[in-house]
Amino acid sequence: MFTRSVAVAALAALPALATPAVNVYWGQAGNVRLRDFCDQDGFDYVTIGFVNQSPENDPSGLGYPGTNFGSHCISAYYKNDKGDNSPLLKECGLISADIRHCQKKGKKVLLSIGGVYSSPGADYSISNAQAGQEFADFIWNAFGPYNPQWTLAGKPRPFDDYYEGADEGEEYFVFDGFDFDIEHKFGKSLSPTSQFLG
């Protein structure tokens, strides 16, 4: 049961929650840099696509998720000790710089998990709750707030690892949030969203 003060506070917040915002996707098509995209008006959020492979589907054995940003970053992947590629892109310096540019322009930048599903190349399925938790932990530590224990353990932060010339205080990159674009119907035991959210 709401108290009067809680009810009044909730009602006061409604107009802010109802303010419309426009979200657009970027990363899979075209050759327009994200920076130039964010210099345009008409949208409040930009979602970068995609994290398209779950860590348990990493053929290198590193347990890294896969990323695909179309033609915007196709340069290099994190490798295991034998030199085998993981599916996780690195050296996406232009995207790193451009995301920071977008955030300075007041646009919120989200990272999308999912996209077009195809096995084995874009397989973001998870087999159990533990795998889902590990996937979520990886995304949070690699793309969310900086955790020094993560980097001390030798784990990647793809948008920090190859971003040169960062201003002081900008060494560590943080997405503003995460988006689920699940385009495949999974059984209940394999649903990424149900596993992530418990």
N, C-alpha and C. Protein backbone atom coordinates (compact mmCIF):
# COMPACT_ATOMS: atom_id res chain seq x y z
N MET A 1 0.84 -1.18 0.00
CA MET A 1 0.00 0.00 0.00
C MET A 1 0.88 1.23 0.00
N PHE A 2 0.58 2.19 -0.91
CA PHE A 2 1.36 3.41 -0.99
C PHE A 2 1.00 4.35 0.13
N THR A 3 1.99 5.03 0.68
CA THR A 3 1.68 6.14 1.57
C THR A 3 1.37 7.34 0.69
N ARG A 4 0.78 8.38 1.28
CA ARG A 4 0.42 9.56 0.48
C ARG A 4 1.66 10.17 -0.16
N SER A 5 2.78 10.29 0.58
CA SER A 5 3.98 10.93 0.03
C SER A 5 4.56 10.11 -1.12
N VAL A 6 4.53 8.77 -1.01
CA VAL A 6 5.04 7.93 -2.08
C VAL A 6 4.15 8.07 -3.31
N ALA A 7 2.82 8.10 -3.12
CA ALA A 7 1.90 8.23 -4.24
C ALA A 7 2.09 9.57 -4.94
N VAL A 8 2.26 10.65 -4.17
CA VAL A 8 2.47 11.97 -4.77
C VAL A 8 3.77 11.99 -5.55
N ALA A 9 4.82 11.40 -4.99
CA ALA A 9 6.11 11.35 -5.69
C ALA A 9 5.99 10.55 -6.98
N ALA A 10 5.26 9.45 -6.94
CA ALA A 10 5.09 8.62 -8.14
C ALA A 10 4.33 9.39 -9.21
N LEU A 11 3.28 10.09 -8.83
CA LEU A 11 2.51 10.86 -9.79
C LEU A 11 3.33 12.01 -10.37
N ALA A 12 4.16 12.61 -9.56
CA ALA A 12 5.01 13.71 -10.04
C ALA A 12 6.03 13.22 -11.06
N ALA A 13 6.43 11.95 -10.96
CA ALA A 13 7.43 11.41 -11.87
C ALA A 13 6.84 10.99 -13.21
N LEU A 14 5.53 10.82 -13.29
CA LEU A 14 4.91 10.32 -14.51
C LEU A 14 5.21 11.15 -15.75
N PRO A 15 5.13 12.48 -15.71
CA PRO A 15 5.44 13.23 -16.94
C PRO A 15 6.85 12.98 -17.45
N ALA A 16 7.81 12.86 -16.56
CA ALA A 16 9.19 12.59 -16.98
C ALA A 16 9.31 11.22 -17.62
N LEU A 17 8.61 10.24 -17.05
CA LEU A 17 8.67 8.90 -17.60
C LEU A 17 7.96 8.81 -18.95
N ALA A 18 6.98 9.67 -19.17
CA ALA A 18 6.20 9.61 -20.40
C ALA A 18 6.83 10.41 -21.54
N THR A 19 7.92 11.10 -21.29
CA THR A 19 8.56 11.89 -22.33
C THR A 19 9.07 10.96 -23.42
N PRO A 20 8.60 11.16 -24.66
CA PRO A 20 9.04 10.26 -25.73
C PRO A 20 10.52 10.45 -26.07
N ALA A 21 11.15 9.38 -26.45
CA ALA A 21 12.55 9.42 -26.89
C ALA A 21 12.69 8.50 -28.09
N VAL A 22 13.57 8.88 -29.01
CA VAL A 22 13.77 8.11 -30.24
C VAL A 22 15.09 7.37 -30.16
N ASN A 23 15.06 6.08 -30.47
CA ASN A 23 16.26 5.25 -30.49
C ASN A 23 16.51 4.78 -31.92
N VAL A 24 17.77 4.80 -32.35
CA VAL A 24 18.14 4.30 -33.67
C VAL A 24 19.27 3.28 -33.52
N TYR A 25 19.36 2.38 -34.49
CA TYR A 25 20.44 1.39 -34.51
C TYR A 25 21.54 1.86 -35.46
N TRP A 26 22.78 1.50 -35.13
CA TRP A 26 23.93 1.80 -35.97
C TRP A 26 24.91 0.63 -35.86
N GLY A 27 25.63 0.36 -36.94
CA GLY A 27 26.71 -0.61 -36.85
C GLY A 27 26.71 -1.70 -37.88
N GLN A 28 25.60 -1.96 -38.52
CA GLN A 28 25.55 -3.09 -39.44
C GLN A 28 25.55 -2.70 -40.91
N ALA A 29 25.12 -1.52 -41.23
CA ALA A 29 24.99 -1.14 -42.65
C ALA A 29 25.56 0.25 -42.87
N GLY A 30 25.91 0.51 -44.12
CA GLY A 30 26.38 1.84 -44.48
C GLY A 30 27.82 2.09 -44.10
N ASN A 31 28.31 3.26 -44.50
CA ASN A 31 29.69 3.62 -44.19
C ASN A 31 29.79 4.97 -43.49
N VAL A 32 28.68 5.44 -42.92
CA VAL A 32 28.70 6.69 -42.18
C VAL A 32 29.28 6.43 -40.79
N ARG A 33 30.30 7.21 -40.43
CA ARG A 33 30.87 7.06 -39.09
C ARG A 33 29.85 7.41 -38.02
N LEU A 34 29.98 6.76 -36.89
CA LEU A 34 29.08 7.02 -35.78
C LEU A 34 29.12 8.48 -35.37
N ARG A 35 30.29 9.08 -35.39
CA ARG A 35 30.44 10.51 -35.05
C ARG A 35 29.54 11.37 -35.93
N ASP A 36 29.57 11.14 -37.23
CA ASP A 36 28.76 11.93 -38.16
C ASP A 36 27.28 11.65 -37.95
N PHE A 37 26.97 10.42 -37.64
CA PHE A 37 25.60 10.02 -37.36
C PHE A 37 25.07 10.80 -36.15
N CYS A 38 25.88 10.88 -35.09
CA CYS A 38 25.45 11.54 -33.86
C CYS A 38 25.42 13.06 -33.97
N ASP A 39 26.02 13.61 -35.00
CA ASP A 39 25.95 15.06 -35.22
C ASP A 39 24.58 15.47 -35.76
N GLN A 40 23.76 14.49 -36.14
CA GLN A 40 22.42 14.78 -36.63
C GLN A 40 21.43 14.88 -35.48
N ASP A 41 20.35 15.59 -35.71
CA ASP A 41 19.28 15.72 -34.72
C ASP A 41 18.21 14.66 -34.98
N GLY A 42 17.25 14.60 -34.09
CA GLY A 42 16.09 13.75 -34.32
C GLY A 42 16.08 12.45 -33.55
N PHE A 43 17.12 12.17 -32.77
CA PHE A 43 17.11 10.97 -31.94
C PHE A 43 17.87 11.22 -30.66
N ASP A 44 17.53 10.44 -29.64
CA ASP A 44 18.09 10.61 -28.29
C ASP A 44 19.02 9.49 -27.89
N TYR A 45 18.79 8.30 -28.46
CA TYR A 45 19.58 7.11 -28.15
C TYR A 45 20.09 6.51 -29.45
N VAL A 46 21.29 5.97 -29.38
CA VAL A 46 21.81 5.19 -30.50
C VAL A 46 22.27 3.85 -29.96
N THR A 47 21.81 2.78 -30.61
CA THR A 47 22.14 1.43 -30.17
C THR A 47 23.12 0.83 -31.16
N ILE A 48 24.26 0.36 -30.63
CA ILE A 48 25.33 -0.21 -31.44
C ILE A 48 25.10 -1.72 -31.55
N GLY A 49 25.09 -2.23 -32.77
CA GLY A 49 24.86 -3.66 -32.96
C GLY A 49 26.07 -4.33 -33.59
N PHE A 50 26.46 -5.48 -33.10
CA PHE A 50 25.82 -6.32 -32.09
C PHE A 50 26.87 -7.14 -31.34
N VAL A 51 26.51 -7.54 -30.12
CA VAL A 51 27.13 -8.71 -29.49
C VAL A 51 26.28 -9.88 -29.97
N ASN A 52 26.84 -10.71 -30.84
CA ASN A 52 26.00 -11.69 -31.54
C ASN A 52 26.39 -13.15 -31.28
N GLN A 53 27.24 -13.36 -30.28
CA GLN A 53 27.62 -14.74 -29.97
C GLN A 53 27.87 -14.84 -28.47
N SER A 54 27.37 -15.89 -27.85
CA SER A 54 27.56 -16.06 -26.41
C SER A 54 28.93 -16.67 -26.13
N PRO A 55 29.46 -16.42 -24.94
CA PRO A 55 30.80 -16.91 -24.61
C PRO A 55 30.96 -18.43 -24.73
N GLU A 56 29.91 -19.19 -24.44
CA GLU A 56 30.06 -20.65 -24.51
C GLU A 56 30.18 -21.13 -25.95
N ASN A 57 29.93 -20.28 -26.93
CA ASN A 57 30.08 -20.64 -28.34
C ASN A 57 31.39 -20.12 -28.94
N ASP A 58 32.33 -19.75 -28.09
CA ASP A 58 33.64 -19.25 -28.53
C ASP A 58 34.53 -20.44 -28.90
N PRO A 59 34.88 -20.59 -30.19
CA PRO A 59 35.69 -21.75 -30.59
C PRO A 59 37.14 -21.70 -30.09
N SER A 60 37.60 -20.52 -29.64
CA SER A 60 38.98 -20.41 -29.18
C SER A 60 39.17 -20.97 -27.78
N GLY A 61 38.08 -21.18 -27.05
CA GLY A 61 38.18 -21.68 -25.69
C GLY A 61 38.40 -20.59 -24.65
N LEU A 62 38.50 -19.33 -25.08
CA LEU A 62 38.70 -18.23 -24.13
C LEU A 62 37.42 -17.91 -23.36
N GLY A 63 36.29 -18.26 -23.92
CA GLY A 63 35.02 -17.94 -23.28
C GLY A 63 34.63 -16.49 -23.46
N TYR A 64 34.96 -15.91 -24.64
CA TYR A 64 34.61 -14.53 -24.94
C TYR A 64 33.37 -14.51 -25.83
N PRO A 65 32.50 -13.52 -25.67
CA PRO A 65 31.38 -13.38 -26.59
C PRO A 65 31.87 -12.86 -27.93
N GLY A 66 31.02 -12.96 -28.94
CA GLY A 66 31.36 -12.46 -30.27
C GLY A 66 30.73 -11.11 -30.53
N THR A 67 31.42 -10.27 -31.29
CA THR A 67 30.87 -8.98 -31.70
C THR A 67 30.97 -8.84 -33.21
N ASN A 68 30.04 -8.07 -33.76
CA ASN A 68 30.02 -7.79 -35.19
C ASN A 68 29.47 -6.38 -35.37
N PHE A 69 30.30 -5.50 -35.91
CA PHE A 69 29.88 -4.12 -36.16
C PHE A 69 29.92 -3.80 -37.65
N GLY A 70 29.58 -4.79 -38.46
CA GLY A 70 29.56 -4.60 -39.90
C GLY A 70 30.93 -4.20 -40.42
N SER A 71 30.94 -3.25 -41.34
CA SER A 71 32.21 -2.80 -41.93
C SER A 71 32.92 -1.75 -41.07
N HIS A 72 32.36 -1.42 -39.91
CA HIS A 72 32.92 -0.35 -39.08
C HIS A 72 34.10 -0.82 -38.23
N CYS A 73 34.23 -2.11 -38.02
CA CYS A 73 35.39 -2.65 -37.32
C CYS A 73 35.56 -4.10 -37.74
N ILE A 74 36.55 -4.33 -38.57
CA ILE A 74 36.79 -5.69 -39.08
C ILE A 74 38.27 -6.06 -38.96
N SER A 75 38.96 -5.35 -38.07
CA SER A 75 40.42 -5.42 -38.10
C SER A 75 41.03 -6.62 -37.38
N ALA A 76 40.66 -6.87 -36.16
CA ALA A 76 41.39 -7.87 -35.38
C ALA A 76 40.51 -8.44 -34.29
N TYR A 77 40.89 -9.63 -33.82
CA TYR A 77 40.17 -10.33 -32.76
C TYR A 77 41.13 -10.66 -31.63
N TYR A 78 40.59 -10.77 -30.43
CA TYR A 78 41.39 -11.30 -29.32
C TYR A 78 41.71 -12.75 -29.64
N LYS A 79 42.95 -13.17 -29.29
CA LYS A 79 43.42 -14.52 -29.62
C LYS A 79 43.78 -15.30 -28.36
N ASN A 80 43.71 -16.60 -28.46
CA ASN A 80 44.19 -17.44 -27.36
C ASN A 80 45.71 -17.63 -27.48
N ASP A 81 46.31 -18.38 -26.58
CA ASP A 81 47.77 -18.56 -26.57
C ASP A 81 48.30 -19.26 -27.81
N LYS A 82 47.45 -19.99 -28.51
CA LYS A 82 47.87 -20.68 -29.73
C LYS A 82 47.72 -19.81 -30.98
N GLY A 83 47.17 -18.60 -30.78
CA GLY A 83 46.97 -17.71 -31.92
C GLY A 83 45.63 -17.87 -32.62
N ASP A 84 44.73 -18.66 -32.02
CA ASP A 84 43.40 -18.84 -32.60
C ASP A 84 42.52 -17.65 -32.23
N ASN A 85 41.75 -17.19 -33.19
CA ASN A 85 40.85 -16.06 -32.96
C ASN A 85 39.69 -16.44 -32.06
N SER A 86 39.37 -15.56 -31.12
CA SER A 86 38.07 -15.60 -30.45
C SER A 86 37.12 -14.81 -31.35
N PRO A 87 35.82 -14.79 -31.06
CA PRO A 87 34.90 -14.00 -31.89
C PRO A 87 34.78 -12.54 -31.43
N LEU A 88 35.59 -12.12 -30.45
CA LEU A 88 35.49 -10.77 -29.89
C LEU A 88 36.44 -9.82 -30.61
N LEU A 89 35.87 -8.80 -31.25
CA LEU A 89 36.66 -7.80 -31.97
C LEU A 89 37.45 -6.92 -31.01
N LYS A 90 38.64 -6.52 -31.45
CA LYS A 90 39.41 -5.53 -30.72
C LYS A 90 39.92 -4.50 -31.73
N GLU A 91 40.57 -3.48 -31.25
CA GLU A 91 41.13 -2.42 -32.10
C GLU A 91 40.05 -1.68 -32.88
N CYS A 92 38.92 -1.45 -32.24
CA CYS A 92 37.85 -0.65 -32.84
C CYS A 92 37.95 0.78 -32.32
N GLY A 93 39.11 1.38 -32.52
CA GLY A 93 39.39 2.70 -31.96
C GLY A 93 38.48 3.80 -32.45
N LEU A 94 38.11 3.77 -33.73
CA LEU A 94 37.23 4.82 -34.25
C LEU A 94 35.86 4.75 -33.59
N ILE A 95 35.36 3.53 -33.39
CA ILE A 95 34.07 3.41 -32.71
C ILE A 95 34.18 3.92 -31.28
N SER A 96 35.26 3.57 -30.60
CA SER A 96 35.45 4.04 -29.22
C SER A 96 35.40 5.56 -29.13
N ALA A 97 36.17 6.20 -30.01
CA ALA A 97 36.23 7.67 -30.00
C ALA A 97 34.87 8.26 -30.35
N ASP A 98 34.19 7.65 -31.31
CA ASP A 98 32.91 8.19 -31.76
C ASP A 98 31.81 8.01 -30.72
N ILE A 99 31.86 6.91 -29.96
CA ILE A 99 30.88 6.73 -28.90
C ILE A 99 31.04 7.84 -27.86
N ARG A 100 32.27 8.15 -27.51
CA ARG A 100 32.50 9.23 -26.55
C ARG A 100 31.99 10.56 -27.12
N HIS A 101 32.19 10.77 -28.42
CA HIS A 101 31.70 11.99 -29.08
C HIS A 101 30.17 12.06 -28.95
N CYS A 102 29.49 10.94 -29.21
CA CYS A 102 28.02 10.90 -29.10
C CYS A 102 27.57 11.24 -27.68
N GLN A 103 28.25 10.66 -26.69
CA GLN A 103 27.87 10.90 -25.30
C GLN A 103 28.06 12.36 -24.93
N LYS A 104 29.12 12.98 -25.44
CA LYS A 104 29.34 14.40 -25.18
C LYS A 104 28.27 15.27 -25.83
N LYS A 105 27.67 14.77 -26.90
CA LYS A 105 26.58 15.48 -27.58
C LYS A 105 25.25 15.26 -26.87
N GLY A 106 25.25 14.49 -25.79
CA GLY A 106 24.04 14.26 -25.02
C GLY A 106 23.22 13.06 -25.46
N LYS A 107 23.77 12.26 -26.36
CA LYS A 107 23.06 11.08 -26.81
C LYS A 107 23.48 9.88 -25.96
N LYS A 108 22.52 9.08 -25.55
CA LYS A 108 22.81 7.87 -24.80
C LYS A 108 23.18 6.77 -25.79
N VAL A 109 24.21 6.00 -25.45
CA VAL A 109 24.69 4.95 -26.35
C VAL A 109 24.52 3.59 -25.66
N LEU A 110 23.80 2.70 -26.34
CA LEU A 110 23.52 1.37 -25.81
C LEU A 110 24.24 0.32 -26.65
N LEU A 111 24.55 -0.80 -26.06
CA LEU A 111 25.14 -1.93 -26.77
C LEU A 111 24.07 -3.00 -26.90
N SER A 112 23.84 -3.46 -28.13
CA SER A 112 22.79 -4.44 -28.38
C SER A 112 23.34 -5.85 -28.37
N ILE A 113 22.60 -6.73 -27.72
CA ILE A 113 22.93 -8.15 -27.65
C ILE A 113 21.88 -8.91 -28.46
N GLY A 114 22.32 -9.67 -29.44
CA GLY A 114 21.39 -10.43 -30.25
C GLY A 114 21.59 -10.16 -31.73
N GLY A 115 20.52 -9.72 -32.39
CA GLY A 115 20.56 -9.50 -33.83
C GLY A 115 20.14 -10.76 -34.59
N VAL A 116 20.46 -10.77 -35.87
CA VAL A 116 20.13 -11.93 -36.69
C VAL A 116 20.82 -13.16 -36.13
N TYR A 117 20.06 -14.24 -35.98
CA TYR A 117 20.59 -15.47 -35.39
C TYR A 117 20.93 -16.48 -36.48
N SER A 118 22.14 -17.01 -36.42
CA SER A 118 22.51 -18.13 -37.29
C SER A 118 23.63 -18.90 -36.61
N SER A 119 23.45 -20.19 -36.55
CA SER A 119 24.46 -21.03 -35.92
C SER A 119 25.37 -21.60 -37.00
N PRO A 120 26.69 -21.60 -36.83
CA PRO A 120 27.41 -21.26 -35.61
C PRO A 120 27.91 -19.81 -35.55
N GLY A 121 27.83 -19.06 -36.63
CA GLY A 121 28.50 -17.75 -36.67
C GLY A 121 27.90 -16.66 -35.82
N ALA A 122 26.61 -16.71 -35.57
CA ALA A 122 25.96 -15.69 -34.76
C ALA A 122 25.00 -16.39 -33.81
N ASP A 123 25.57 -17.14 -32.89
CA ASP A 123 24.79 -17.99 -32.00
C ASP A 123 24.89 -17.43 -30.58
N TYR A 124 23.86 -16.72 -30.16
CA TYR A 124 23.86 -16.13 -28.83
C TYR A 124 23.01 -16.95 -27.85
N SER A 125 22.79 -18.22 -28.20
CA SER A 125 22.05 -19.09 -27.28
C SER A 125 22.90 -19.40 -26.05
N ILE A 126 22.22 -19.72 -24.98
CA ILE A 126 22.88 -20.13 -23.74
C ILE A 126 22.22 -21.42 -23.27
N SER A 127 23.01 -22.27 -22.65
CA SER A 127 22.51 -23.61 -22.33
C SER A 127 21.93 -23.74 -20.94
N ASN A 128 22.29 -22.83 -20.03
CA ASN A 128 21.78 -22.95 -18.66
C ASN A 128 21.95 -21.62 -17.93
N ALA A 129 21.42 -21.56 -16.73
CA ALA A 129 21.43 -20.31 -15.96
C ALA A 129 22.86 -19.84 -15.66
N GLN A 130 23.76 -20.76 -15.36
CA GLN A 130 25.14 -20.37 -15.06
C GLN A 130 25.80 -19.73 -16.28
N ALA A 131 25.57 -20.32 -17.46
CA ALA A 131 26.14 -19.75 -18.69
C ALA A 131 25.57 -18.36 -18.94
N GLY A 132 24.28 -18.18 -18.64
CA GLY A 132 23.66 -16.87 -18.78
C GLY A 132 24.27 -15.85 -17.84
N GLN A 133 24.53 -16.28 -16.59
CA GLN A 133 25.15 -15.38 -15.62
C GLN A 133 26.55 -15.00 -16.05
N GLU A 134 27.31 -15.96 -16.57
CA GLU A 134 28.67 -15.68 -17.03
C GLU A 134 28.65 -14.71 -18.23
N PHE A 135 27.70 -14.89 -19.12
CA PHE A 135 27.53 -13.99 -20.26
C PHE A 135 27.26 -12.57 -19.75
N ALA A 136 26.30 -12.45 -18.83
CA ALA A 136 25.95 -11.14 -18.28
C ALA A 136 27.14 -10.50 -17.56
N ASP A 137 27.87 -11.28 -16.77
CA ASP A 137 29.03 -10.76 -16.06
C ASP A 137 30.09 -10.26 -17.03
N PHE A 138 30.30 -11.00 -18.12
CA PHE A 138 31.30 -10.58 -19.09
C PHE A 138 30.90 -9.25 -19.72
N ILE A 139 29.65 -9.15 -20.17
CA ILE A 139 29.18 -7.91 -20.80
C ILE A 139 29.34 -6.74 -19.83
N TRP A 140 28.95 -6.94 -18.58
CA TRP A 140 29.02 -5.85 -17.60
C TRP A 140 30.47 -5.41 -17.36
N ASN A 141 31.36 -6.37 -17.19
CA ASN A 141 32.75 -6.03 -16.89
C ASN A 141 33.53 -5.54 -18.10
N ALA A 142 33.18 -6.01 -19.29
CA ALA A 142 33.91 -5.60 -20.49
C ALA A 142 33.42 -4.28 -21.07
N PHE A 143 32.13 -3.97 -20.86
CA PHE A 143 31.55 -2.79 -21.50
C PHE A 143 30.87 -1.84 -20.52
N GLY A 144 30.79 -2.22 -19.25
CA GLY A 144 30.15 -1.38 -18.25
C GLY A 144 31.19 -0.63 -17.43
N PRO A 145 30.83 -0.26 -16.20
CA PRO A 145 31.75 0.49 -15.34
C PRO A 145 33.08 -0.24 -15.14
N TYR A 146 34.15 0.52 -15.10
CA TYR A 146 35.49 -0.05 -14.98
C TYR A 146 35.67 -0.78 -13.65
N ASN A 147 36.16 -1.99 -13.74
CA ASN A 147 36.46 -2.81 -12.56
C ASN A 147 37.92 -3.22 -12.66
N PRO A 148 38.81 -2.64 -11.84
CA PRO A 148 40.23 -2.96 -11.97
C PRO A 148 40.55 -4.44 -11.79
N GLN A 149 39.75 -5.16 -11.02
CA GLN A 149 39.98 -6.59 -10.84
C GLN A 149 39.83 -7.35 -12.16
N TRP A 150 38.94 -6.86 -13.01
CA TRP A 150 38.71 -7.48 -14.32
C TRP A 150 39.97 -7.37 -15.18
N THR A 151 40.52 -6.17 -15.26
CA THR A 151 41.70 -5.98 -16.11
C THR A 151 42.94 -6.62 -15.49
N LEU A 152 43.04 -6.61 -14.16
CA LEU A 152 44.17 -7.28 -13.51
C LEU A 152 44.17 -8.78 -13.79
N ALA A 153 42.98 -9.33 -14.01
CA ALA A 153 42.87 -10.75 -14.34
C ALA A 153 43.15 -11.00 -15.83
N GLY A 154 43.51 -9.95 -16.56
CA GLY A 154 43.85 -10.10 -17.98
C GLY A 154 42.65 -10.18 -18.90
N LYS A 155 41.48 -9.77 -18.41
CA LYS A 155 40.27 -9.81 -19.22
C LYS A 155 40.15 -8.55 -20.08
N PRO A 156 39.52 -8.67 -21.25
CA PRO A 156 39.48 -7.53 -22.17
C PRO A 156 38.40 -6.50 -21.84
N ARG A 157 38.69 -5.28 -22.21
CA ARG A 157 37.70 -4.20 -22.29
C ARG A 157 37.87 -3.60 -23.69
N PRO A 158 37.16 -4.15 -24.68
CA PRO A 158 37.44 -3.83 -26.09
C PRO A 158 37.46 -2.36 -26.45
N PHE A 159 36.63 -1.55 -25.82
CA PHE A 159 36.61 -0.14 -26.20
C PHE A 159 37.57 0.71 -25.38
N ASP A 160 38.24 0.11 -24.40
CA ASP A 160 39.34 0.78 -23.71
C ASP A 160 40.68 0.35 -24.29
N ASP A 161 40.79 -0.91 -24.67
CA ASP A 161 42.08 -1.51 -24.98
C ASP A 161 42.79 -0.88 -26.17
N TYR A 162 42.05 -0.25 -27.08
CA TYR A 162 42.68 0.30 -28.27
C TYR A 162 42.26 1.75 -28.49
N TYR A 163 41.86 2.41 -27.44
CA TYR A 163 41.46 3.81 -27.58
C TYR A 163 42.65 4.67 -27.17
N GLU A 164 43.26 5.32 -28.16
CA GLU A 164 44.44 6.14 -27.91
C GLU A 164 44.04 7.61 -27.82
N GLY A 165 44.80 8.36 -27.05
CA GLY A 165 44.57 9.79 -26.96
C GLY A 165 43.38 10.18 -26.10
N ALA A 166 43.01 9.33 -25.17
CA ALA A 166 41.87 9.65 -24.31
C ALA A 166 42.22 10.83 -23.41
N ASP A 167 41.25 11.71 -23.23
CA ASP A 167 41.43 12.81 -22.28
C ASP A 167 41.45 12.23 -20.87
N GLU A 168 42.03 13.00 -19.93
CA GLU A 168 42.06 12.53 -18.55
C GLU A 168 40.64 12.31 -18.06
N GLY A 169 40.42 11.18 -17.44
CA GLY A 169 39.09 10.82 -16.98
C GLY A 169 38.27 10.05 -18.00
N GLU A 170 38.80 9.91 -19.22
CA GLU A 170 38.09 9.18 -20.27
C GLU A 170 38.79 7.89 -20.66
N GLU A 171 39.72 7.46 -19.83
CA GLU A 171 40.47 6.24 -20.16
C GLU A 171 39.57 5.01 -20.19
N TYR A 172 38.51 5.06 -19.40
CA TYR A 172 37.63 3.91 -19.28
C TYR A 172 36.27 4.23 -19.86
N PHE A 173 35.86 3.41 -20.79
CA PHE A 173 34.64 3.64 -21.52
C PHE A 173 33.48 2.89 -20.88
N VAL A 174 32.32 3.51 -20.83
CA VAL A 174 31.13 2.88 -20.27
C VAL A 174 29.93 3.13 -21.18
N PHE A 175 29.29 2.05 -21.62
CA PHE A 175 28.03 2.21 -22.34
C PHE A 175 26.98 2.73 -21.36
N ASP A 176 25.99 3.43 -21.91
CA ASP A 176 24.90 3.96 -21.08
C ASP A 176 23.86 2.90 -20.75
N GLY A 177 23.91 1.79 -21.44
CA GLY A 177 22.95 0.72 -21.17
C GLY A 177 23.08 -0.39 -22.20
N PHE A 178 22.23 -1.39 -22.08
CA PHE A 178 22.28 -2.55 -22.94
C PHE A 178 20.89 -2.84 -23.49
N ASP A 179 20.85 -3.34 -24.71
CA ASP A 179 19.61 -3.60 -25.42
C ASP A 179 19.58 -5.08 -25.80
N PHE A 180 18.41 -5.70 -25.71
CA PHE A 180 18.25 -7.07 -26.17
C PHE A 180 17.45 -7.07 -27.47
N ASP A 181 18.07 -7.54 -28.54
CA ASP A 181 17.40 -7.66 -29.82
C ASP A 181 17.39 -9.14 -30.20
N ILE A 182 16.58 -9.90 -29.50
CA ILE A 182 16.54 -11.36 -29.67
C ILE A 182 15.61 -11.66 -30.85
N GLU A 183 16.19 -12.11 -31.95
CA GLU A 183 15.44 -12.33 -33.18
C GLU A 183 15.23 -13.81 -33.49
N HIS A 184 15.38 -14.65 -32.48
CA HIS A 184 15.20 -16.08 -32.67
C HIS A 184 14.34 -16.60 -31.54
N LYS A 185 13.41 -17.46 -31.86
CA LYS A 185 12.56 -18.03 -30.82
C LYS A 185 13.25 -19.25 -30.22
N PHE A 186 13.65 -19.10 -28.96
CA PHE A 186 14.29 -20.18 -28.24
C PHE A 186 13.27 -20.90 -27.37
N GLY A 187 13.58 -22.13 -27.00
CA GLY A 187 12.81 -22.78 -25.96
C GLY A 187 13.11 -22.10 -24.64
N LYS A 188 12.29 -22.32 -23.64
CA LYS A 188 12.47 -21.64 -22.35
C LYS A 188 13.85 -21.87 -21.77
N SER A 189 14.42 -23.05 -21.97
CA SER A 189 15.73 -23.36 -21.37
C SER A 189 16.87 -22.60 -22.05
N LEU A 190 16.62 -22.04 -23.26
CA LEU A 190 17.69 -21.38 -23.99
C LEU A 190 17.46 -19.89 -24.19
N SER A 191 16.47 -19.34 -23.53
CA SER A 191 16.14 -17.93 -23.75
C SER A 191 17.15 -17.02 -23.08
N PRO A 192 17.92 -16.21 -23.84
CA PRO A 192 18.90 -15.33 -23.21
C PRO A 192 18.29 -14.36 -22.22
N THR A 193 17.14 -13.77 -22.55
CA THR A 193 16.58 -12.78 -21.64
C THR A 193 16.11 -13.42 -20.34
N SER A 194 15.48 -14.59 -20.42
CA SER A 194 15.00 -15.21 -19.19
C SER A 194 16.17 -15.65 -18.32
N GLN A 195 17.25 -16.10 -18.95
CA GLN A 195 18.41 -16.53 -18.17
C GLN A 195 19.12 -15.35 -17.54
N PHE A 196 19.26 -14.23 -18.30
CA PHE A 196 19.94 -13.07 -17.74
C PHE A 196 19.17 -12.49 -16.57
N LEU A 197 17.85 -12.43 -16.72
CA LEU A 197 17.05 -11.73 -15.74
C LEU A 197 16.64 -12.64 -14.58
N GLY A 198 17.02 -13.91 -14.67
CA GLY A 198 16.73 -14.84 -13.59
C GLY A 198 15.29 -15.27 -13.67
